[in-house]
């Protein structure tokens, strides 16, 4: 399974929902959504700063992650961005690949 970091910023409507339902209810809703896509939530944290919520999750692949981000953002309660997380093994595999590249002006 692939790992992802979802960064979310609550809209005013999303903040009203959080204040109404509480954080545990939102965690449960996110967990059900991820499980419905065949994945699992590793962690979910609320934070100060530019983002309000961080979720790390395992999902079957990029299409599942994209579907989740699009659907969640389309409802209007949050704006999300997704980061694909790579393991050390995946980076080592990437390092071993031969890449043909000519830099600009080279």
N, C-alpha and C. Protein backbone atom coordinates (compact mmCIF):
# COMPACT_ATOMS: atom_id res chain seq x y z
N UNK A 1 0.84 -1.19 0.00
CA UNK A 1 0.00 0.00 0.00
C UNK A 1 0.88 1.23 0.00
N UNK A 2 0.37 2.27 -0.62
CA UNK A 2 1.08 3.55 -0.66
C UNK A 2 0.67 4.40 0.53
N UNK A 3 1.60 5.27 0.94
CA UNK A 3 1.33 6.15 2.09
C UNK A 3 1.19 7.59 1.62
N UNK A 4 0.30 8.30 2.29
CA UNK A 4 -0.01 9.68 1.92
C UNK A 4 -0.14 10.55 3.17
N UNK A 5 0.19 11.82 2.97
CA UNK A 5 -0.06 12.84 3.98
C UNK A 5 -1.10 13.78 3.38
N UNK A 6 -2.24 13.88 4.03
CA UNK A 6 -3.28 14.81 3.62
C UNK A 6 -3.23 16.01 4.55
N UNK A 7 -3.07 17.19 3.97
CA UNK A 7 -3.05 18.43 4.73
C UNK A 7 -4.36 19.15 4.44
N UNK A 8 -5.06 19.53 5.50
CA UNK A 8 -6.38 20.14 5.31
C UNK A 8 -6.50 21.45 6.07
N UNK A 9 -7.14 22.38 5.41
CA UNK A 9 -7.44 23.68 6.01
C UNK A 9 -8.97 23.78 6.08
N UNK A 10 -9.50 23.96 7.27
CA UNK A 10 -10.94 24.07 7.44
C UNK A 10 -11.46 25.39 6.90
N UNK A 11 -12.59 25.35 6.22
CA UNK A 11 -13.30 26.56 5.82
C UNK A 11 -14.14 26.99 7.02
N UNK A 12 -14.77 28.16 6.97
CA UNK A 12 -15.66 28.53 8.08
C UNK A 12 -16.76 27.47 8.33
N UNK A 13 -17.32 26.90 7.26
CA UNK A 13 -18.33 25.85 7.44
C UNK A 13 -17.72 24.61 8.08
N UNK A 14 -16.52 24.25 7.67
CA UNK A 14 -15.85 23.10 8.27
C UNK A 14 -15.56 23.32 9.75
N UNK A 15 -15.18 24.53 10.11
CA UNK A 15 -14.92 24.84 11.52
C UNK A 15 -16.22 24.77 12.32
N UNK A 16 -17.32 25.24 11.75
CA UNK A 16 -18.62 25.13 12.44
C UNK A 16 -18.96 23.67 12.68
N UNK A 17 -18.72 22.82 11.68
CA UNK A 17 -18.99 21.40 11.84
C UNK A 17 -18.13 20.78 12.92
N UNK A 18 -16.85 21.13 12.96
CA UNK A 18 -15.95 20.62 13.99
C UNK A 18 -16.43 21.06 15.37
N UNK A 19 -16.80 22.32 15.51
CA UNK A 19 -17.28 22.81 16.79
C UNK A 19 -18.57 22.11 17.21
N UNK A 20 -19.40 21.76 16.24
CA UNK A 20 -20.66 21.09 16.52
C UNK A 20 -20.48 19.61 16.85
N UNK A 21 -19.65 18.89 16.07
CA UNK A 21 -19.51 17.44 16.21
C UNK A 21 -18.36 17.01 17.12
N UNK A 22 -17.31 17.79 17.15
CA UNK A 22 -16.12 17.42 17.92
C UNK A 22 -15.11 16.67 17.06
N UNK A 23 -13.89 16.61 17.56
CA UNK A 23 -12.78 16.02 16.82
C UNK A 23 -12.90 14.51 16.69
N UNK A 24 -13.36 13.81 17.72
CA UNK A 24 -13.48 12.35 17.64
C UNK A 24 -14.44 11.93 16.54
N UNK A 25 -15.54 12.63 16.40
CA UNK A 25 -16.51 12.30 15.36
C UNK A 25 -15.90 12.49 13.97
N UNK A 26 -15.10 13.54 13.81
CA UNK A 26 -14.45 13.77 12.50
C UNK A 26 -13.42 12.68 12.25
N UNK A 27 -12.68 12.28 13.29
CA UNK A 27 -11.69 11.20 13.14
C UNK A 27 -12.37 9.91 12.70
N UNK A 28 -13.51 9.60 13.29
CA UNK A 28 -14.25 8.40 12.93
C UNK A 28 -14.76 8.47 11.49
N UNK A 29 -15.24 9.64 11.08
CA UNK A 29 -15.73 9.81 9.70
C UNK A 29 -14.60 9.63 8.70
N UNK A 30 -13.45 10.20 8.99
CA UNK A 30 -12.28 10.05 8.11
C UNK A 30 -11.85 8.59 8.06
N UNK A 31 -11.83 7.93 9.20
CA UNK A 31 -11.46 6.52 9.25
C UNK A 31 -12.36 5.66 8.39
N UNK A 32 -13.68 5.88 8.50
CA UNK A 32 -14.64 5.12 7.68
C UNK A 32 -14.41 5.37 6.19
N UNK A 33 -14.15 6.63 5.83
CA UNK A 33 -13.93 6.98 4.43
C UNK A 33 -12.70 6.26 3.89
N UNK A 34 -11.59 6.32 4.63
CA UNK A 34 -10.35 5.69 4.18
C UNK A 34 -10.52 4.17 4.10
N UNK A 35 -11.17 3.58 5.09
CA UNK A 35 -11.41 2.14 5.07
C UNK A 35 -12.29 1.74 3.90
N UNK A 36 -13.25 2.58 3.55
CA UNK A 36 -14.12 2.33 2.41
C UNK A 36 -13.36 2.30 1.08
N UNK A 37 -12.21 2.96 1.06
CA UNK A 37 -11.35 2.96 -0.14
C UNK A 37 -10.31 1.84 -0.07
N UNK A 38 -10.40 1.01 0.95
CA UNK A 38 -9.45 -0.10 1.08
C UNK A 38 -8.18 0.24 1.82
N UNK A 39 -8.19 1.34 2.58
CA UNK A 39 -6.98 1.77 3.29
C UNK A 39 -7.17 1.82 4.78
N UNK A 40 -6.23 2.50 5.43
CA UNK A 40 -6.33 2.70 6.88
C UNK A 40 -5.64 4.00 7.26
N UNK A 41 -6.20 4.66 8.26
CA UNK A 41 -5.60 5.88 8.80
C UNK A 41 -4.52 5.48 9.79
N UNK A 42 -3.32 6.01 9.61
CA UNK A 42 -2.24 5.80 10.57
C UNK A 42 -2.35 6.80 11.73
N UNK A 43 -2.58 8.07 11.39
CA UNK A 43 -2.66 9.11 12.42
C UNK A 43 -3.46 10.29 11.88
N UNK A 44 -4.06 11.01 12.80
CA UNK A 44 -4.79 12.24 12.45
C UNK A 44 -4.53 13.24 13.56
N UNK A 45 -4.00 14.39 13.19
CA UNK A 45 -3.64 15.42 14.16
C UNK A 45 -4.25 16.77 13.76
N UNK A 46 -4.69 17.51 14.76
CA UNK A 46 -5.09 18.89 14.58
C UNK A 46 -3.89 19.75 14.94
N UNK A 47 -3.77 20.92 14.29
CA UNK A 47 -2.55 21.71 14.48
C UNK A 47 -2.85 23.20 14.40
N UNK A 48 -1.90 23.98 14.91
CA UNK A 48 -1.87 25.42 14.71
C UNK A 48 -1.12 25.68 13.41
N UNK A 49 -1.36 26.82 12.79
CA UNK A 49 -0.56 27.19 11.63
C UNK A 49 -1.38 27.24 10.36
N UNK A 50 -0.70 27.07 9.23
CA UNK A 50 -1.36 27.18 7.93
C UNK A 50 -2.38 26.07 7.68
N UNK A 51 -2.15 24.90 8.25
CA UNK A 51 -3.06 23.77 8.08
C UNK A 51 -3.72 23.48 9.42
N UNK A 52 -4.96 22.99 9.36
CA UNK A 52 -5.69 22.68 10.59
C UNK A 52 -5.64 21.20 10.95
N UNK A 53 -5.53 20.33 9.93
CA UNK A 53 -5.57 18.90 10.17
C UNK A 53 -4.53 18.21 9.28
N UNK A 54 -3.83 17.25 9.86
CA UNK A 54 -2.89 16.40 9.12
C UNK A 54 -3.33 14.95 9.29
N UNK A 55 -3.44 14.23 8.19
CA UNK A 55 -3.81 12.82 8.22
C UNK A 55 -2.76 12.04 7.46
N UNK A 56 -2.20 11.00 8.09
CA UNK A 56 -1.36 10.06 7.36
C UNK A 56 -2.17 8.80 7.19
N UNK A 57 -2.16 8.29 5.95
CA UNK A 57 -2.99 7.12 5.64
C UNK A 57 -2.31 6.24 4.62
N UNK A 58 -2.64 4.96 4.68
CA UNK A 58 -2.25 4.01 3.65
C UNK A 58 -3.46 3.79 2.76
N UNK A 59 -3.25 3.86 1.45
CA UNK A 59 -4.31 3.64 0.47
C UNK A 59 -3.77 2.75 -0.64
N UNK A 60 -4.66 2.10 -1.38
CA UNK A 60 -4.21 1.20 -2.44
C UNK A 60 -3.36 1.89 -3.52
N UNK A 61 -3.55 3.17 -3.76
CA UNK A 61 -2.76 3.84 -4.78
C UNK A 61 -3.18 5.27 -5.01
N UNK A 62 -2.56 5.89 -6.00
CA UNK A 62 -2.78 7.31 -6.28
C UNK A 62 -4.22 7.63 -6.65
N UNK A 63 -4.90 6.72 -7.36
CA UNK A 63 -6.28 7.03 -7.75
C UNK A 63 -7.19 7.09 -6.53
N UNK A 64 -6.96 6.24 -5.56
CA UNK A 64 -7.75 6.30 -4.32
C UNK A 64 -7.48 7.60 -3.57
N UNK A 65 -6.21 7.98 -3.50
CA UNK A 65 -5.85 9.22 -2.82
C UNK A 65 -6.45 10.43 -3.54
N UNK A 66 -6.39 10.41 -4.86
CA UNK A 66 -6.96 11.52 -5.64
C UNK A 66 -8.47 11.59 -5.45
N UNK A 67 -9.14 10.45 -5.50
CA UNK A 67 -10.59 10.42 -5.31
C UNK A 67 -10.97 11.00 -3.96
N UNK A 68 -10.25 10.58 -2.93
CA UNK A 68 -10.55 11.07 -1.58
C UNK A 68 -10.37 12.58 -1.51
N UNK A 69 -9.25 13.09 -2.00
CA UNK A 69 -9.00 14.52 -1.96
C UNK A 69 -10.03 15.33 -2.72
N UNK A 70 -10.41 14.83 -3.91
CA UNK A 70 -11.39 15.56 -4.72
C UNK A 70 -12.75 15.59 -4.05
N UNK A 71 -13.20 14.45 -3.54
CA UNK A 71 -14.52 14.40 -2.92
C UNK A 71 -14.58 15.26 -1.66
N UNK A 72 -13.56 15.14 -0.83
CA UNK A 72 -13.55 15.92 0.42
C UNK A 72 -13.53 17.41 0.11
N UNK A 73 -12.69 17.83 -0.84
CA UNK A 73 -12.61 19.26 -1.18
C UNK A 73 -13.90 19.76 -1.84
N UNK A 74 -14.58 18.89 -2.60
CA UNK A 74 -15.77 19.34 -3.33
C UNK A 74 -16.94 19.68 -2.42
N UNK A 75 -16.97 19.11 -1.22
CA UNK A 75 -18.07 19.35 -0.30
C UNK A 75 -18.01 20.75 0.30
N UNK A 76 -16.80 21.31 0.43
CA UNK A 76 -16.66 22.69 0.87
C UNK A 76 -16.26 22.91 2.31
N UNK A 77 -16.17 21.85 3.12
CA UNK A 77 -15.80 22.03 4.52
C UNK A 77 -14.31 22.17 4.75
N UNK A 78 -13.52 21.64 3.82
CA UNK A 78 -12.07 21.74 3.93
C UNK A 78 -11.47 21.89 2.54
N UNK A 79 -10.26 22.40 2.51
CA UNK A 79 -9.42 22.42 1.31
C UNK A 79 -8.26 21.50 1.61
N UNK A 80 -8.01 20.54 0.73
CA UNK A 80 -6.96 19.56 1.00
C UNK A 80 -5.84 19.64 -0.02
N UNK A 81 -4.68 19.19 0.40
CA UNK A 81 -3.57 18.92 -0.51
C UNK A 81 -2.99 17.58 -0.08
N UNK A 82 -2.44 16.86 -1.04
CA UNK A 82 -1.97 15.50 -0.80
C UNK A 82 -0.50 15.39 -1.12
N UNK A 83 0.24 14.75 -0.23
CA UNK A 83 1.67 14.49 -0.41
C UNK A 83 1.86 12.99 -0.45
N UNK A 84 2.50 12.49 -1.52
CA UNK A 84 2.84 11.07 -1.59
C UNK A 84 4.08 10.86 -0.73
N UNK A 85 4.03 9.90 0.19
CA UNK A 85 5.15 9.61 1.06
C UNK A 85 5.88 8.38 0.55
N UNK A 86 7.20 8.45 0.50
CA UNK A 86 8.02 7.35 -0.01
C UNK A 86 8.89 6.77 1.11
N UNK A 87 9.03 5.46 1.10
CA UNK A 87 9.88 4.79 2.09
C UNK A 87 11.34 4.88 1.66
N UNK A 88 12.25 4.53 2.55
CA UNK A 88 13.67 4.49 2.21
C UNK A 88 13.92 3.49 1.08
N UNK A 89 13.23 2.36 1.09
CA UNK A 89 13.38 1.37 0.02
C UNK A 89 12.95 1.95 -1.34
N UNK A 90 11.87 2.70 -1.34
CA UNK A 90 11.41 3.30 -2.60
C UNK A 90 12.41 4.33 -3.12
N UNK A 91 12.99 5.13 -2.22
CA UNK A 91 13.99 6.10 -2.64
C UNK A 91 15.23 5.39 -3.15
N UNK A 92 15.66 4.32 -2.47
CA UNK A 92 16.81 3.55 -2.95
C UNK A 92 16.55 2.97 -4.34
N UNK A 93 15.33 2.50 -4.58
CA UNK A 93 14.98 1.99 -5.90
C UNK A 93 15.06 3.11 -6.94
N UNK A 94 14.59 4.29 -6.58
CA UNK A 94 14.66 5.43 -7.50
C UNK A 94 16.10 5.82 -7.81
N UNK A 95 16.96 5.78 -6.79
CA UNK A 95 18.38 6.13 -6.96
C UNK A 95 19.05 5.17 -7.94
N UNK A 96 18.65 3.92 -7.93
CA UNK A 96 19.26 2.91 -8.81
C UNK A 96 18.81 3.01 -10.27
N UNK A 97 17.75 3.76 -10.53
CA UNK A 97 17.25 3.86 -11.90
C UNK A 97 18.15 4.78 -12.72
N UNK A 98 18.40 4.38 -13.96
CA UNK A 98 19.19 5.19 -14.87
C UNK A 98 18.26 6.17 -15.57
N UNK A 99 18.61 7.44 -15.49
CA UNK A 99 17.78 8.49 -16.06
C UNK A 99 18.59 9.24 -17.11
N UNK A 100 18.07 9.32 -18.31
CA UNK A 100 18.71 10.08 -19.39
C UNK A 100 18.15 11.49 -19.36
N UNK A 101 19.02 12.48 -19.11
CA UNK A 101 18.56 13.86 -18.98
C UNK A 101 19.65 14.79 -19.47
N UNK A 102 19.25 15.80 -20.23
CA UNK A 102 20.14 16.85 -20.65
C UNK A 102 19.62 18.16 -20.06
N UNK A 103 20.43 18.83 -19.22
CA UNK A 103 19.97 20.08 -18.62
C UNK A 103 19.84 21.19 -19.69
N UNK A 104 19.01 22.19 -19.42
CA UNK A 104 18.89 23.30 -20.36
C UNK A 104 20.25 23.92 -20.65
N UNK A 105 20.54 24.14 -21.92
CA UNK A 105 21.81 24.73 -22.33
C UNK A 105 22.98 23.75 -22.31
N UNK A 106 22.73 22.50 -21.93
CA UNK A 106 23.80 21.50 -21.79
C UNK A 106 24.04 20.69 -23.04
